[in-house]
Amino acid sequence: MNLPQVAGKSSVFASLNFEIYCTSSTDQIETPQQQLIEAEEKLLPSEFWIADPVTLAKNLLGKIIVRKIDGQLIKCKIVETEAYGGVEDKGCHAYGGKMTDRTKHLYQKGGHLYVYLIYGISCCMNITASIEGEPTAVLIRAVEIMEGYDFVVSNRNMKNLSKIGRELTNGPGKLCAAMKIDKTHNTVDITQAGELFVADGDNKPFEIVVSKRINIGYAQEYIDKPWRFYIKGNKFVSCKGDVLEVISPFENNVTETPSVPSLLLESLDKFKAPPKSSSRLKKII
């Protein structure tokens, strides 16, 4: 339980005007170092990342991004993702096999970061999927703050926050600002313990909402691909969008990954595009 901070130790009990809660010796509050050790013990196996982007995008929901910075520990649960299918996907930066100084990071082995700048002000964090040379990735669109809330608030410097502070991390640019993730983090291996990595979550059951990706009006027939996924009912999701399907995450066994790249396009193709919709989604950075 978080109690208000009191300045003077000698007058603590005299100045408190709220109920004091006592805990037993077995109910000790974990230190950031203890939390970090626990997170490092929950690193995901290497085979988790060698998957097609659609599978990885769903399996990343509920996983925890761990960030060590300035002596602080930030832990955020991934609640919204989008899959990008590489050279065949007109919504992907690597469409047509393009490799530039920016997109070369997409060609890394699954489990590495590809971070790029949009609108000249905001960074977007992507995690590569598949094997080295296959430029597929998952965009992290929104996260829920689990630890380090005060530090995130200081990073964002926002006023008039909602009660839970959803505005801090309910968009790809927002979450990068919250955790101080930028282009210097390109190529970071998030499968290994360090200043930035991904760990397993609590594995509590939830439903996954399937929707179309956001803000890719240039992607032609790939606009309508149902490759956006989010945790149903989570208040940190950027927007609901058109709900196309609701599925269980347990339909996908994370220990079983398809042969890559031989089954990559086959896996992507099974998700057929829905009929075009006239609804428009609000742009969220």
Protein backbone atom coordinates (compact mmCIF):
# COMPACT_ATOMS: atom_id res chain seq x y z
CA MET A 1 0.00 0.00 0.00
CA ASN A 2 1.35 3.44 -0.91
CA LEU A 3 1.15 5.96 1.95
CA PRO A 4 1.61 9.74 1.60
CA GLN A 5 5.16 11.00 1.96
CA VAL A 6 5.93 12.90 5.19
CA ALA A 7 8.97 15.18 5.36
CA GLY A 8 10.19 15.07 8.97
CA LYS A 9 10.90 11.69 10.51
CA SER A 10 10.75 12.99 14.10
CA SER A 11 7.21 14.31 13.70
CA VAL A 12 5.80 11.56 11.54
CA PHE A 13 3.22 10.25 13.99
CA ALA A 14 2.25 13.71 15.18
CA SER A 15 1.51 14.95 11.67
CA LEU A 16 -0.36 11.99 10.25
CA ASN A 17 -4.09 12.64 9.84
CA PHE A 18 -4.96 9.39 8.10
CA GLU A 19 -5.37 5.81 9.26
CA ILE A 20 -2.09 3.93 9.67
CA TYR A 21 -1.97 0.42 8.28
CA CYS A 22 0.32 -2.13 9.88
CA THR A 23 1.65 -5.15 8.05
CA SER A 24 3.14 -8.33 9.35
CA SER A 25 6.81 -9.21 8.87
CA THR A 26 5.75 -11.52 6.04
CA ASP A 27 3.94 -8.65 4.28
CA GLN A 28 7.01 -6.61 3.41
CA ILE A 29 7.00 -4.19 0.49
CA GLU A 30 9.31 -5.27 -2.32
CA THR A 31 12.18 -2.99 -3.21
CA PRO A 32 12.77 -1.99 -6.87
CA GLN A 33 15.79 -4.32 -6.88
CA GLN A 34 13.65 -7.25 -5.75
CA GLN A 35 11.05 -6.44 -8.39
CA LEU A 36 13.78 -6.29 -11.02
CA ILE A 37 15.15 -9.69 -10.02
CA GLU A 38 11.67 -11.20 -10.22
CA ALA A 39 11.14 -9.69 -13.68
CA GLU A 40 14.48 -11.01 -14.91
CA GLU A 41 13.44 -14.48 -13.78
CA LYS A 42 10.41 -14.23 -16.10
CA LEU A 43 12.28 -13.59 -19.35
CA LEU A 44 10.57 -15.25 -22.32
CA PRO A 45 12.20 -18.19 -24.16
CA SER A 46 13.96 -17.41 -27.44
CA GLU A 47 11.43 -19.41 -29.46
CA PHE A 48 8.68 -17.04 -28.31
CA TRP A 49 10.06 -14.36 -30.64
CA ILE A 50 10.58 -16.54 -33.74
CA ALA A 51 6.97 -16.30 -34.83
CA ASP A 52 4.98 -14.59 -37.55
CA PRO A 53 3.96 -11.03 -36.56
CA VAL A 54 0.24 -11.81 -36.19
CA THR A 55 0.95 -14.58 -33.69
CA LEU A 56 3.51 -12.48 -31.85
CA ALA A 57 1.19 -9.45 -31.70
CA LYS A 58 -1.45 -11.51 -29.89
CA ASN A 59 1.01 -13.31 -27.63
CA LEU A 60 2.62 -10.04 -26.50
CA LEU A 61 -0.62 -8.88 -24.90
CA GLY A 62 -0.31 -9.11 -21.14
CA LYS A 63 3.49 -9.23 -21.25
CA ILE A 64 5.51 -6.68 -19.25
CA ILE A 65 7.92 -4.06 -20.59
CA VAL A 66 10.59 -3.48 -17.93
CA ARG A 67 12.56 -0.21 -18.04
CA LYS A 68 15.43 0.77 -15.76
CA ILE A 69 16.33 4.46 -15.93
CA ASP A 70 17.73 7.11 -13.60
CA GLY A 71 17.68 4.67 -10.71
CA GLN A 72 13.97 4.02 -11.24
CA LEU A 73 12.08 0.92 -12.31
CA ILE A 74 9.12 1.20 -14.69
CA LYS A 75 6.92 -1.80 -15.48
CA CYS A 76 4.15 -1.54 -18.06
CA LYS A 77 1.75 -4.21 -19.29
CA ILE A 78 1.26 -4.42 -23.06
CA VAL A 79 -2.45 -3.98 -23.80
CA GLU A 80 -2.57 -3.10 -27.52
CA THR A 81 -0.48 -4.19 -30.52
CA GLU A 82 -0.43 -4.16 -34.32
CA ALA A 83 1.23 -6.68 -36.65
CA TYR A 84 3.25 -5.63 -39.72
CA GLY A 85 3.89 -8.31 -42.31
CA GLY A 86 7.08 -7.28 -44.07
CA VAL A 87 7.70 -7.03 -47.81
CA GLU A 88 4.15 -8.06 -48.77
CA ASP A 89 2.43 -5.61 -46.40
CA LYS A 90 1.78 -2.17 -47.90
CA GLY A 91 1.41 -0.78 -44.38
CA CYS A 92 4.91 -1.88 -43.41
CA HIS A 93 8.02 0.28 -43.78
CA ALA A 94 9.76 -2.67 -45.45
CA TYR A 95 7.12 -3.10 -48.16
CA GLY A 96 8.71 -4.16 -51.43
CA GLY A 97 11.93 -5.13 -49.71
CA LYS A 98 13.06 -1.57 -48.99
CA MET A 99 16.11 -1.35 -46.75
CA THR A 100 17.28 2.10 -45.67
CA ASP A 101 19.25 3.42 -42.71
CA ARG A 102 15.92 3.57 -40.89
CA THR A 103 14.30 0.31 -41.96
CA LYS A 104 17.42 -1.86 -41.69
CA HIS A 105 16.53 -2.44 -38.04
CA LEU A 106 13.37 -4.26 -39.17
CA TYR A 107 15.53 -7.05 -40.58
CA GLN A 108 16.87 -8.13 -37.20
CA LYS A 109 16.07 -11.46 -35.58
CA GLY A 110 12.85 -11.55 -33.58
CA GLY A 111 13.07 -9.83 -30.20
CA HIS A 112 14.95 -6.65 -31.18
CA LEU A 113 13.76 -3.05 -31.20
CA TYR A 114 12.93 -0.96 -34.24
CA VAL A 115 12.18 2.61 -33.11
CA TYR A 116 11.26 5.37 -35.55
CA LEU A 117 10.11 8.98 -35.38
CA ILE A 118 6.68 10.16 -36.58
CA TYR A 119 5.54 13.73 -37.22
CA GLY A 120 9.03 14.78 -36.18
CA ILE A 121 8.13 14.64 -32.48
CA SER A 122 7.04 11.16 -31.35
CA CYS A 123 8.81 7.81 -31.33
CA CYS A 124 7.14 4.45 -31.96
CA MET A 125 8.44 1.21 -30.47
CA ASN A 126 8.34 -1.95 -32.56
CA ILE A 127 9.59 -5.44 -31.71
CA THR A 128 10.87 -7.56 -34.59
CA ALA A 129 9.34 -10.97 -35.28
CA SER A 130 10.50 -14.04 -37.18
CA ILE A 131 14.07 -14.82 -38.21
CA GLU A 132 16.87 -12.47 -39.22
CA GLY A 133 16.30 -11.13 -42.73
CA GLU A 134 12.48 -11.22 -42.50
CA PRO A 135 11.41 -7.58 -41.91
CA THR A 136 8.28 -8.23 -39.85
CA ALA A 137 7.44 -6.56 -36.54
CA VAL A 138 4.86 -5.74 -33.90
CA LEU A 139 4.04 -2.13 -33.03
CA ILE A 140 3.36 -1.60 -29.32
CA ARG A 141 0.36 0.72 -29.39
CA ALA A 142 -0.58 1.05 -25.71
CA VAL A 143 0.54 -0.09 -22.26
CA GLU A 144 -0.85 -0.01 -18.72
CA ILE A 145 1.46 1.34 -16.02
CA MET A 146 2.11 -1.27 -13.34
CA GLU A 147 5.11 0.25 -11.50
CA GLY A 148 6.80 3.66 -11.60
CA TYR A 149 3.67 5.79 -12.02
CA ASP A 150 5.15 8.93 -10.42
CA PHE A 151 8.25 8.73 -12.62
CA VAL A 152 6.07 8.38 -15.73
CA VAL A 153 4.01 11.41 -14.70
CA SER A 154 7.20 13.47 -14.40
CA ASN A 155 8.30 12.31 -17.87
CA ARG A 156 5.03 13.28 -19.52
CA ASN A 157 4.44 16.55 -17.63
CA MET A 158 0.70 16.42 -18.35
CA LYS A 159 -2.12 18.20 -16.54
CA ASN A 160 -5.75 17.23 -15.94
CA LEU A 161 -5.10 13.50 -15.96
CA SER A 162 -7.91 11.01 -15.51
CA LYS A 163 -8.04 9.08 -12.23
CA ILE A 164 -5.95 6.18 -13.59
CA GLY A 165 -3.78 8.34 -15.87
CA ARG A 166 -4.65 6.48 -19.08
CA GLU A 167 -3.56 9.47 -21.16
CA LEU A 168 0.05 8.84 -20.15
CA THR A 169 0.51 5.67 -22.20
CA ASN A 170 -2.57 5.06 -24.41
CA GLY A 171 -0.76 5.58 -27.69
CA PRO A 172 2.54 4.50 -29.29
CA GLY A 173 4.18 7.92 -29.02
CA LYS A 174 2.86 8.44 -25.51
CA LEU A 175 4.28 5.21 -24.13
CA CYS A 176 7.70 5.92 -25.61
CA ALA A 177 7.73 9.36 -23.98
CA ALA A 178 6.59 7.82 -20.69
CA MET A 179 9.42 5.27 -20.63
CA LYS A 180 11.99 7.49 -22.37
CA ILE A 181 12.38 5.21 -25.36
CA ASP A 182 13.80 6.78 -28.51
CA LYS A 183 15.85 5.98 -31.62
CA THR A 184 18.96 5.35 -29.55
CA HIS A 185 17.25 2.11 -28.52
CA ASN A 186 17.27 0.71 -32.05
CA THR A 187 18.76 -2.81 -32.08
CA VAL A 188 18.26 -3.32 -28.32
CA ASP A 189 17.76 -7.03 -27.59
CA ILE A 190 14.68 -7.10 -25.35
CA THR A 191 14.94 -10.86 -24.83
CA GLN A 192 17.83 -10.34 -22.40
CA ALA A 193 17.91 -8.62 -19.01
CA GLY A 194 19.18 -5.06 -19.23
CA GLU A 195 17.91 -1.48 -19.08
CA LEU A 196 14.98 -2.42 -21.33
CA PHE A 197 13.46 -5.87 -21.76
CA VAL A 198 10.17 -7.80 -21.92
CA ALA A 199 9.09 -10.32 -19.28
CA ASP A 200 6.15 -12.66 -18.86
CA GLY A 201 3.02 -11.31 -17.19
CA ASP A 202 0.76 -12.78 -14.54
CA ASN A 203 -1.04 -14.96 -17.13
CA LYS A 204 -4.48 -14.00 -15.85
CA PRO A 205 -7.10 -14.83 -18.50
CA PHE A 206 -8.47 -12.10 -20.77
CA GLU A 207 -10.18 -11.80 -24.13
CA ILE A 208 -8.52 -10.30 -27.21
CA VAL A 209 -10.37 -7.88 -29.47
CA VAL A 210 -9.43 -8.00 -33.17
CA SER A 211 -9.64 -4.79 -35.19
CA LYS A 212 -8.13 -2.99 -38.18
CA ARG A 213 -4.84 -1.13 -37.85
CA ILE A 214 -4.89 2.63 -37.27
CA ASN A 215 -3.61 5.52 -39.43
CA ILE A 216 -2.35 3.55 -42.44
CA GLY A 217 -4.50 5.16 -45.13
CA TYR A 218 -1.66 4.68 -47.62
CA ALA A 219 -1.73 0.87 -47.36
CA GLN A 220 -4.36 0.30 -50.11
CA GLU A 221 -5.86 -3.20 -49.80
CA TYR A 222 -3.89 -3.77 -46.60
CA ILE A 223 -5.83 -1.04 -44.80
CA ASP A 224 -8.53 -3.52 -43.82
CA LYS A 225 -6.32 -6.31 -42.56
CA PRO A 226 -7.48 -7.31 -39.04
CA TRP A 227 -4.01 -7.10 -37.53
CA ARG A 228 -4.66 -4.90 -34.51
CA PHE A 229 -5.21 -6.59 -31.15
CA TYR A 230 -6.05 -5.33 -27.68
CA ILE A 231 -7.16 -6.59 -24.28
CA LYS A 232 -10.93 -6.36 -24.03
CA GLY A 233 -12.08 -3.88 -21.40
CA ASN A 234 -8.65 -2.43 -20.65
CA LYS A 235 -8.93 1.32 -20.10
CA PHE A 236 -5.43 2.10 -21.44
CA VAL A 237 -6.29 1.01 -25.01
CA SER A 238 -6.00 3.90 -27.47
CA CYS A 239 -9.46 3.44 -29.02
CA LYS A 240 -11.93 0.61 -29.60
CA GLY A 241 -12.24 0.91 -33.37
CA ASP A 242 -14.37 -1.56 -35.32
CA VAL A 243 -14.60 -4.77 -33.31
CA LEU A 244 -14.28 -7.58 -35.84
CA GLU A 245 -13.82 -10.54 -33.53
CA VAL A 246 -13.20 -11.43 -29.87
CA ILE A 247 -10.88 -14.36 -29.19
CA SER A 248 -9.14 -16.06 -26.29
CA PRO A 249 -5.35 -15.73 -25.97
CA PHE A 250 -5.20 -19.36 -24.96
CA GLU A 251 -6.12 -20.46 -28.47
CA ASN A 252 -2.46 -19.72 -29.26
CA ASN A 253 0.13 -21.87 -27.53
CA VAL A 254 3.17 -19.62 -27.18
CA THR A 255 5.48 -22.63 -27.04
CA GLU A 256 4.48 -23.63 -30.56
CA THR A 257 5.67 -21.38 -33.37
CA PRO A 258 5.22 -21.92 -37.11
CA SER A 259 8.06 -22.70 -39.47
CA VAL A 260 9.53 -19.40 -40.61
CA PRO A 261 9.56 -18.10 -43.26
CA SER A 262 7.84 -21.02 -45.05
CA LEU A 263 4.58 -20.62 -43.12
CA LEU A 264 4.82 -16.87 -42.60
CA LEU A 265 2.64 -15.72 -45.48
CA GLU A 266 0.32 -18.68 -44.96
CA SER A 267 -0.25 -17.54 -41.39
CA LEU A 268 -0.86 -13.96 -42.49
CA ASP A 269 -3.19 -14.95 -45.31
CA LYS A 270 -5.57 -16.84 -43.02
CA PHE A 271 -6.65 -13.51 -41.58
CA LYS A 272 -8.87 -12.31 -44.42
CA ALA A 273 -9.66 -8.63 -44.76
CA PRO A 274 -13.23 -7.70 -43.71
CA PRO A 275 -15.56 -5.61 -45.89
CA LYS A 276 -14.58 -1.95 -46.06
CA SER A 277 -16.15 0.27 -43.45
CA SER A 278 -17.06 3.93 -43.76
CA SER A 279 -16.24 4.65 -40.11
CA ARG A 280 -13.24 6.81 -39.40
CA LEU A 281 -10.92 6.41 -36.45
CA LYS A 282 -9.60 9.28 -34.41
CA LYS A 283 -5.88 9.82 -34.90
CA ILE A 284 -4.04 8.92 -31.73
CA ILE A 285 -0.31 9.39 -31.33
